[in-house]
Protein backbone atom coordinates (compact mmCIF):
# COMPACT_ATOMS: atom_id res chain seq x y z
CA MET A 1 120.44 120.32 50.67
CA THR A 2 120.71 117.60 48.06
CA THR A 3 122.83 115.33 50.27
CA PRO A 4 122.57 115.40 54.07
CA MET A 5 125.80 116.11 55.89
CA PRO A 6 127.07 112.99 57.67
CA ASP A 7 126.88 112.84 61.44
CA ALA A 8 130.03 112.20 63.47
CA LEU A 9 128.68 109.54 65.82
CA SER A 10 130.63 106.45 64.75
CA ALA A 11 134.28 105.42 64.54
CA GLU A 12 134.49 106.89 61.04
CA GLN A 13 136.18 110.27 60.95
CA VAL A 14 134.23 113.29 59.74
CA VAL A 15 136.25 116.36 58.83
CA LEU A 16 134.98 119.94 58.70
CA THR A 17 137.26 122.01 56.50
CA GLY A 18 137.36 125.26 54.58
CA ALA A 19 135.88 127.38 57.37
CA ARG A 20 137.62 129.69 59.79
CA LEU A 21 137.47 128.47 63.38
CA ALA A 22 136.43 131.01 66.01
CA SER A 23 136.30 130.43 69.76
CA ALA A 24 137.09 132.20 73.02
CA GLU A 25 140.76 131.55 72.29
CA GLY A 26 140.78 133.40 68.96
CA VAL A 27 140.04 133.13 65.24
CA ALA A 28 142.10 130.94 62.91
CA ASP A 29 142.16 130.04 59.23
CA GLY A 30 143.74 127.00 57.64
CA LEU A 31 142.62 124.52 60.30
CA SER A 32 140.20 121.60 60.08
CA LEU A 33 138.15 119.84 62.75
CA VAL A 34 138.34 116.06 62.89
CA LEU A 35 135.29 114.55 64.57
CA ARG A 36 134.55 111.00 65.71
CA HIS A 37 132.37 109.28 68.33
CA GLY A 38 130.50 112.53 68.99
CA GLU A 39 133.66 114.35 70.01
CA ILE A 40 136.34 116.56 68.52
CA GLU A 41 139.21 114.16 67.98
CA THR A 42 141.75 116.72 66.86
CA VAL A 43 142.27 120.07 65.19
CA VAL A 44 144.84 119.90 62.38
CA PRO A 45 146.29 122.13 59.66
CA THR A 46 144.19 121.53 56.58
CA ALA A 47 147.33 120.72 54.57
CA GLU A 48 147.93 117.69 56.82
CA LEU A 49 144.53 116.05 56.28
CA THR A 50 144.52 112.40 55.24
CA SER A 51 142.21 111.12 52.52
CA ASN A 52 140.40 108.38 54.47
CA ALA A 53 137.77 110.57 56.15
CA ARG A 54 134.38 111.94 55.15
CA VAL A 55 134.98 115.59 54.35
CA ILE A 56 132.46 118.40 54.68
CA ARG A 57 133.56 121.60 52.98
CA LEU A 58 132.36 124.80 54.64
CA ASP A 59 134.07 127.41 52.49
CA GLY A 60 133.23 130.97 53.46
CA CYS A 61 131.74 129.93 56.80
CA THR A 62 132.80 130.34 60.41
CA VAL A 63 132.57 127.45 62.89
CA VAL A 64 132.07 128.39 66.55
CA PRO A 65 131.47 126.30 69.66
CA GLY A 66 127.82 125.49 70.16
CA LEU A 67 126.01 128.23 72.04
CA ILE A 68 124.89 127.42 75.59
CA ASP A 69 121.87 129.27 76.97
CA LEU A 70 121.46 129.24 80.75
CA HIS A 71 118.17 131.13 80.80
CA VAL A 72 115.42 130.06 78.37
CA HIS A 73 111.67 130.01 78.99
CA GLY A 74 110.58 129.08 75.49
CA GLY A 75 110.71 129.88 71.80
CA GLY A 76 108.85 129.53 68.54
CA GLY A 77 105.43 129.73 70.17
CA SER A 78 106.06 127.06 72.83
CA SER A 79 107.13 127.24 76.45
CA PHE A 80 108.83 125.09 79.07
CA ASP A 81 106.02 126.16 81.41
CA GLU A 82 103.73 123.86 79.44
CA PRO A 83 103.77 120.42 81.10
CA ASP A 84 104.00 118.83 77.65
CA PRO A 85 107.15 117.15 76.27
CA GLU A 86 106.08 117.95 72.70
CA ALA A 87 106.06 121.66 73.56
CA HIS A 88 109.52 121.23 75.06
CA ARG A 89 110.75 119.59 71.85
CA GLU A 90 109.48 122.55 69.85
CA VAL A 91 111.50 124.89 72.07
CA LEU A 92 114.64 122.76 71.70
CA ARG A 93 114.23 122.62 67.93
CA PHE A 94 113.66 126.38 67.71
CA HIS A 95 116.87 127.22 69.56
CA ALA A 96 118.86 124.62 67.58
CA ARG A 97 118.03 126.71 64.51
CA HIS A 98 119.86 129.55 66.21
CA GLY A 99 123.09 127.73 67.02
CA VAL A 100 122.22 126.62 70.55
CA THR A 101 123.46 123.11 71.32
CA ALA A 102 122.64 122.97 75.05
CA MET A 103 120.38 124.88 77.42
CA GLN A 104 118.61 124.98 80.74
CA ALA A 105 114.82 125.09 80.83
CA SER A 106 113.86 128.11 82.92
CA LEU A 107 110.58 127.99 84.82
CA VAL A 108 108.84 131.06 86.20
CA SER A 109 107.38 131.07 89.70
CA ALA A 110 104.44 128.74 90.15
CA LYS A 111 102.32 127.30 92.93
CA PRO A 112 103.52 123.93 94.25
CA GLY A 113 101.16 121.69 92.26
CA ASP A 114 101.83 123.46 88.99
CA LEU A 115 105.57 123.44 89.57
CA GLU A 116 105.53 119.70 90.29
CA ARG A 117 103.67 118.98 87.02
CA ARG A 118 106.13 121.07 85.04
CA LEU A 119 109.11 119.34 86.61
CA ASP A 120 107.57 115.91 85.95
CA ALA A 121 107.17 116.75 82.25
CA LEU A 122 110.70 118.14 81.98
CA ALA A 123 112.09 114.99 83.58
CA VAL A 124 110.59 113.07 80.65
CA SER A 125 111.93 115.56 78.10
CA ARG A 126 115.43 115.44 79.53
CA GLN A 127 115.60 111.72 78.81
CA THR A 128 114.64 112.21 75.16
CA ALA A 129 117.55 112.98 72.85
CA GLY A 130 117.80 114.05 69.23
CA PHE A 131 115.04 116.65 69.04
CA GLY A 132 117.23 119.75 69.00
CA ALA A 133 119.44 121.37 71.60
CA ALA A 134 120.35 119.21 74.60
CA LEU A 135 118.38 119.88 77.77
CA LEU A 136 121.03 120.18 80.49
CA GLY A 137 118.57 120.61 83.35
CA VAL A 138 116.03 122.95 84.86
CA HIS A 139 116.59 126.48 86.10
CA LEU A 140 113.98 127.48 88.68
CA GLU A 141 113.67 131.24 88.36
CA GLY A 142 111.60 131.39 91.51
CA PRO A 143 109.33 131.05 93.40
CA TYR A 144 111.74 132.13 96.18
CA LEU A 145 111.81 135.78 95.10
CA ALA A 146 111.08 139.21 96.60
CA PHE A 147 107.55 140.51 96.07
CA GLU A 148 108.71 144.03 95.25
CA GLN A 149 111.10 142.68 92.57
CA CYS A 150 108.83 140.03 91.05
CA GLY A 151 108.80 141.57 87.55
CA ALA A 152 106.81 139.35 85.19
CA HIS A 153 106.37 136.64 87.86
CA ASP A 154 103.00 135.97 89.50
CA PRO A 155 103.28 137.51 93.00
CA ALA A 156 100.69 135.03 94.28
CA ALA A 157 103.12 132.18 93.54
CA LEU A 158 106.05 133.59 95.54
CA ARG A 159 106.98 131.92 98.82
CA SER A 160 109.82 131.14 101.19
CA PRO A 161 111.69 127.86 100.71
CA THR A 162 111.74 125.07 103.28
CA PRO A 163 114.31 122.33 103.95
CA SER A 164 111.80 119.73 102.74
CA GLU A 165 111.47 121.54 99.41
CA ALA A 166 115.23 121.44 98.98
CA GLN A 167 115.19 117.71 99.69
CA ALA A 168 112.37 117.16 97.20
CA LEU A 169 114.25 119.02 94.45
CA LEU A 170 117.42 117.05 95.11
CA ALA A 171 115.45 113.79 95.04
CA ARG A 172 114.77 114.45 91.36
CA GLY A 173 118.20 113.11 90.50
CA GLY A 174 119.98 116.16 89.14
CA LEU A 175 117.04 117.50 87.12
CA VAL A 176 117.28 120.92 88.80
CA THR A 177 120.66 122.44 87.93
CA MET A 178 120.14 126.10 88.90
CA VAL A 179 117.83 128.07 91.19
CA THR A 180 117.41 131.84 91.34
CA VAL A 181 116.65 133.16 94.83
CA ALA A 182 116.29 136.48 96.62
CA PRO A 183 118.92 136.18 99.38
CA GLU A 184 116.87 138.24 101.85
CA VAL A 185 113.82 135.93 101.78
CA ASP A 186 113.23 133.88 104.94
CA GLY A 187 114.69 130.38 104.74
CA VAL A 188 116.90 131.09 101.72
CA ALA A 189 120.21 130.86 103.58
CA GLU A 190 119.71 127.23 104.62
CA PHE A 191 118.08 126.41 101.27
CA VAL A 192 121.15 127.69 99.44
CA ARG A 193 123.46 125.66 101.65
CA GLN A 194 121.49 122.45 101.04
CA LEU A 195 121.40 122.82 97.27
CA THR A 196 124.95 124.03 96.69
CA THR A 197 126.31 121.17 98.81
CA ALA A 198 124.65 118.86 96.27
CA GLY A 199 126.11 120.73 93.28
CA VAL A 200 123.16 122.93 92.27
CA VAL A 201 124.14 126.40 91.02
CA ILE A 202 122.45 129.17 92.99
CA ALA A 203 121.92 132.65 91.56
CA ALA A 204 120.73 135.88 93.12
CA GLY A 205 117.92 137.66 91.32
CA HIS A 206 114.52 139.34 91.62
CA SER A 207 115.83 140.67 94.89
CA SER A 208 116.24 143.73 97.09
CA ALA A 209 119.17 142.18 98.97
CA GLY A 210 121.89 144.34 100.39
CA ALA A 211 125.48 143.59 101.25
CA ALA A 212 124.81 141.49 104.36
CA ASP A 213 122.18 139.24 102.75
CA LEU A 214 124.29 138.67 99.65
CA ALA A 215 127.37 137.92 101.74
CA VAL A 216 125.51 135.22 103.68
CA ALA A 217 124.28 133.63 100.46
CA VAL A 218 127.75 133.71 98.94
CA SER A 219 129.22 132.12 102.07
CA ASN A 220 126.66 129.33 101.66
CA GLY A 221 127.64 128.75 98.02
CA LEU A 222 125.82 131.27 95.80
CA THR A 223 127.98 131.91 92.71
CA HIS A 224 125.85 133.54 90.01
CA LEU A 225 123.67 136.58 89.30
CA THR A 226 120.48 136.46 87.26
CA HIS A 227 120.06 139.14 84.54
CA LEU A 228 121.88 142.23 85.80
CA TRP A 229 119.73 145.37 86.20
CA SER A 230 116.47 143.46 85.73
CA CYS A 231 114.57 143.28 89.03
CA GLN A 232 117.55 144.14 91.23
CA SER A 233 117.62 146.74 93.99
CA THR A 234 119.91 149.72 93.39
CA LEU A 235 121.54 152.55 95.32
CA VAL A 236 119.37 154.30 97.96
CA ARG A 237 119.90 157.20 100.37
CA ARG A 238 119.50 156.65 104.10
CA GLY A 239 119.95 160.04 105.59
CA PRO A 240 123.23 161.39 104.22
CA HIS A 241 124.52 157.88 103.44
CA ARG A 242 124.44 156.09 100.08
CA VAL A 243 123.69 152.40 100.49
CA PRO A 244 124.47 150.00 97.63
CA GLY A 245 121.72 147.69 96.42
CA LEU A 246 122.07 144.22 94.95
CA LEU A 247 123.12 145.69 91.61
CA GLU A 248 126.08 147.63 93.01
CA GLU A 249 127.10 144.76 95.27
CA SER A 250 126.99 142.48 92.21
CA LEU A 251 129.16 144.77 90.10
CA ALA A 252 131.68 145.08 92.93
CA SER A 253 132.03 141.31 93.32
CA ASP A 254 135.40 139.67 92.72
CA THR A 255 134.01 136.17 92.12
CA LEU A 256 130.40 136.09 90.96
CA THR A 257 129.42 135.43 87.36
CA ALA A 258 126.55 137.48 85.97
CA GLU A 259 123.98 137.38 83.18
CA ILE A 260 123.15 140.12 80.71
CA ILE A 261 120.23 140.13 78.27
CA ALA A 262 121.98 141.63 75.25
CA ASP A 263 118.98 141.98 72.93
CA GLY A 264 119.34 145.72 72.31
CA HIS A 265 116.22 146.42 74.41
CA HIS A 266 116.76 145.33 78.02
CA LEU A 267 120.11 147.07 78.47
CA PRO A 268 121.57 150.06 76.63
CA ALA A 269 125.16 149.86 75.47
CA THR A 270 126.42 151.95 78.40
CA LEU A 271 125.12 149.51 81.02
CA ILE A 272 126.56 146.51 79.19
CA GLU A 273 129.92 148.26 79.05
CA ILE A 274 129.76 148.96 82.80
CA ALA A 275 129.14 145.26 83.45
CA ARG A 276 131.94 144.31 81.07
CA ARG A 277 134.45 146.53 82.89
CA CYS A 278 133.32 145.61 86.40
CA LEU A 279 133.16 141.85 85.82
CA PRO A 280 135.87 141.07 83.24
CA GLY A 281 135.75 137.46 82.12
CA ARG A 282 132.60 136.78 84.15
CA ILE A 283 129.78 138.06 81.92
CA VAL A 284 127.37 135.49 80.48
CA ALA A 285 124.93 136.45 77.75
CA VAL A 286 121.53 134.78 78.09
CA SER A 287 118.48 135.02 75.87
CA ASP A 288 115.79 134.91 78.58
CA ALA A 289 113.76 133.85 75.53
CA THR A 290 110.04 133.24 75.87
CA ALA A 291 107.41 131.59 73.71
CA GLY A 292 107.35 134.92 71.87
CA ALA A 293 110.86 134.39 70.48
CA GLY A 294 110.67 134.15 66.72
CA MET A 295 107.04 135.25 66.66
CA PRO A 296 105.63 138.40 65.00
CA ASP A 297 104.52 141.60 66.65
CA GLY A 298 101.09 141.20 68.21
CA TYR A 299 101.70 137.58 69.25
CA HIS A 300 100.35 136.82 72.74
CA TYR A 301 102.04 134.40 75.11
CA ARG A 302 102.21 133.65 78.82
CA LEU A 303 104.88 133.57 81.47
CA GLY A 304 103.14 131.29 83.93
CA VAL A 305 99.81 133.05 84.39
CA VAL A 306 101.06 136.49 83.30
CA GLU A 307 99.73 137.61 79.90
CA CYS A 308 102.38 139.05 77.55
CA GLU A 309 102.68 140.35 74.00
CA VAL A 310 105.41 140.82 71.40
CA ILE A 311 105.61 144.56 70.74
CA GLY A 312 108.33 146.23 68.70
CA GLY A 313 110.64 143.23 68.79
CA VAL A 314 110.49 142.72 72.54
CA GLY A 315 108.15 141.00 74.99
CA LYS A 316 106.05 143.11 77.35
CA VAL A 317 103.53 142.41 80.10
CA ILE A 318 100.10 143.35 78.77
CA GLY A 319 98.76 146.42 80.54
CA GLU A 320 102.08 147.27 82.19
CA ASP A 321 105.17 149.20 81.18
CA ALA A 322 107.45 146.21 81.82
CA PHE A 323 109.47 143.71 79.84
CA ALA A 324 108.35 140.07 79.85
CA GLY A 325 111.45 138.12 78.97
CA SER A 326 113.04 138.43 75.55
CA VAL A 327 112.04 137.40 72.04
CA THR A 328 115.63 137.27 70.73
CA PRO A 329 117.55 133.97 70.61
CA LEU A 330 121.12 133.70 71.85
CA SER A 331 122.55 133.98 68.33
CA GLY A 332 121.02 137.45 68.21
CA MET A 333 122.77 138.33 71.46
CA LEU A 334 126.11 137.23 70.00
CA LEU A 335 125.50 139.42 66.93
CA HIS A 336 124.48 142.41 69.06
CA LEU A 337 127.60 142.18 71.21
CA HIS A 338 129.91 141.80 68.20
CA ARG A 339 128.30 143.92 65.50
CA GLU A 340 126.49 146.65 67.42
CA LEU A 341 128.68 146.98 70.53
CA GLY A 342 132.02 146.15 68.93
CA TRP A 343 133.08 143.25 71.14
CA PRO A 344 135.83 141.17 69.51
CA LEU A 345 134.30 137.97 68.14
CA PRO A 346 136.22 135.72 70.59
CA GLU A 347 134.88 137.73 73.54
CA ALA A 348 131.29 137.51 72.27
CA ILE A 349 131.71 133.77 71.71
CA ALA A 350 133.10 133.33 75.23
CA ALA A 351 130.01 135.03 76.69
CA THR A 352 127.69 132.69 74.77
CA SER A 353 129.56 129.38 74.97
CA LEU A 354 132.61 128.95 77.20
CA ARG A 355 131.44 131.03 80.17
CA PRO A 356 127.98 129.41 80.36
CA ALA A 357 129.78 126.06 80.36
CA GLN A 358 131.98 127.27 83.20
CA VAL A 359 128.96 128.38 85.24
CA LEU A 360 127.50 124.87 85.03
CA ARG A 361 130.93 123.26 85.58
CA LEU A 362 130.91 121.75 82.09
CA ALA A 363 133.95 123.59 80.73
CA GLY A 364 135.95 120.37 80.51
CA ARG A 365 133.80 119.17 77.62
CA LYS A 366 131.73 122.06 76.27
CA GLY A 367 132.41 125.60 75.06
CA ARG A 368 135.63 125.06 73.07
CA LEU A 369 136.77 123.71 69.70
CA ALA A 370 139.45 121.45 71.17
CA PRO A 371 140.38 117.75 71.26
CA GLY A 372 138.30 115.75 73.72
CA TYR A 373 135.42 118.24 73.74
CA ASP A 374 131.91 117.35 72.66
CA ALA A 375 131.27 117.90 68.96
CA ASP A 376 128.93 120.79 69.73
CA LEU A 377 129.24 123.55 67.17
CA ALA A 378 127.43 126.10 65.06
CA VAL A 379 128.23 126.95 61.45
CA LEU A 380 127.77 130.62 60.55
CA ASP A 381 127.67 132.19 57.09
CA ALA A 382 129.51 135.35 56.03
CA GLU A 383 126.90 137.47 57.83
CA LEU A 384 127.29 135.34 60.99
CA SER A 385 123.81 133.88 60.59
CA VAL A 386 123.42 130.24 61.67
CA VAL A 387 123.25 127.79 58.76
CA ALA A 388 123.91 124.53 60.64
CA THR A 389 124.12 123.24 64.21
CA MET A 390 125.73 120.05 65.52
CA ALA A 391 125.22 118.66 69.03
CA GLY A 392 127.22 115.68 70.24
CA GLY A 393 128.23 114.82 66.67
CA ARG A 394 124.66 114.89 65.32
CA TRP A 395 123.45 117.58 62.94
CA ILE A 396 120.35 118.96 64.61
CA TYR A 397 119.80 121.75 62.10
CA SER A 398 121.05 122.63 58.63
CA THR A 399 120.06 124.74 55.65
CA ASP A 400 120.95 124.56 51.99
CA ALA A 401 123.56 127.22 52.63
CA ALA A 402 125.66 124.89 54.79
């Protein structure tokens, strides 16, 4: 670009005009966004704009709420498992290029000392702004998981939680925002109660839990489900009886929100449609992106200590017939849902912006293009590719096409 687009951080109004606005509420032409102090001040008919603002014309583009990714391990060759704030910044910058304005850093299961070092480094990174997408907090995807459902996690790192561990996590001052647990693991029931009482979101995943275990966890505050179908127990026969697994119990839930990895590899269209029909308004698309995201076939990366490789546009555990996270950013999930599966654009946007905000109880300020909301947005071209990203009124990515 010859002239950088102005940020919207000060008292001076910045107006985005000429684009169609698309959100969970619908798609509209002829409206302009007025931004100031890092927020959306108002949305007005373009014909009513005053002349005393800095105007950015986005003709032919679509503006959507900034994407929010609840489940991210890495991207662009770097990983949150590295106890290195510079590696974290690379991940945040990578996902900003794909329209993500806020995310959780997901950590795979690790032994206590390694986990502490990773959390220490992420505490530093969370305090550092302006390097890409905002780091909302940490999602511990383990180590409180079931051995038989560990997937790409190191089984040697799995363990039962203790009350003292819950206290130690809470003592980190809100750094840990979500924890995935297997409800049937010893000690999880009390662990869930301690964390949810303090506002941490608890998800069920990597689990062989049945109805009774899940019900106990839900009664103690569990509200979310980690990546449907991936590492979840399913229907079994016990004598003549069919007994639902965690998957079926999840799909039958009236309240739980649930993640799907909509990269075109993890889940075929039929399974995504089943989830969509069973959990209307409660599906959240997540990238589950790894360091392999954005990297070419043949690239090697790690999930903790597990060796992985990018093969055919997806990550796999080396030497095993198993996925190892995803290599597709959340913008690719939005495109897959809309273009390949035919979801209306507002529904695909809801699954990648508003609903993730709702899961983390941030829907009062993120996930919508509405007055009083953070100026978090992505600008898409005619092909719905990301050409610019704004977080909190600051442009964190832009191309010449914006």
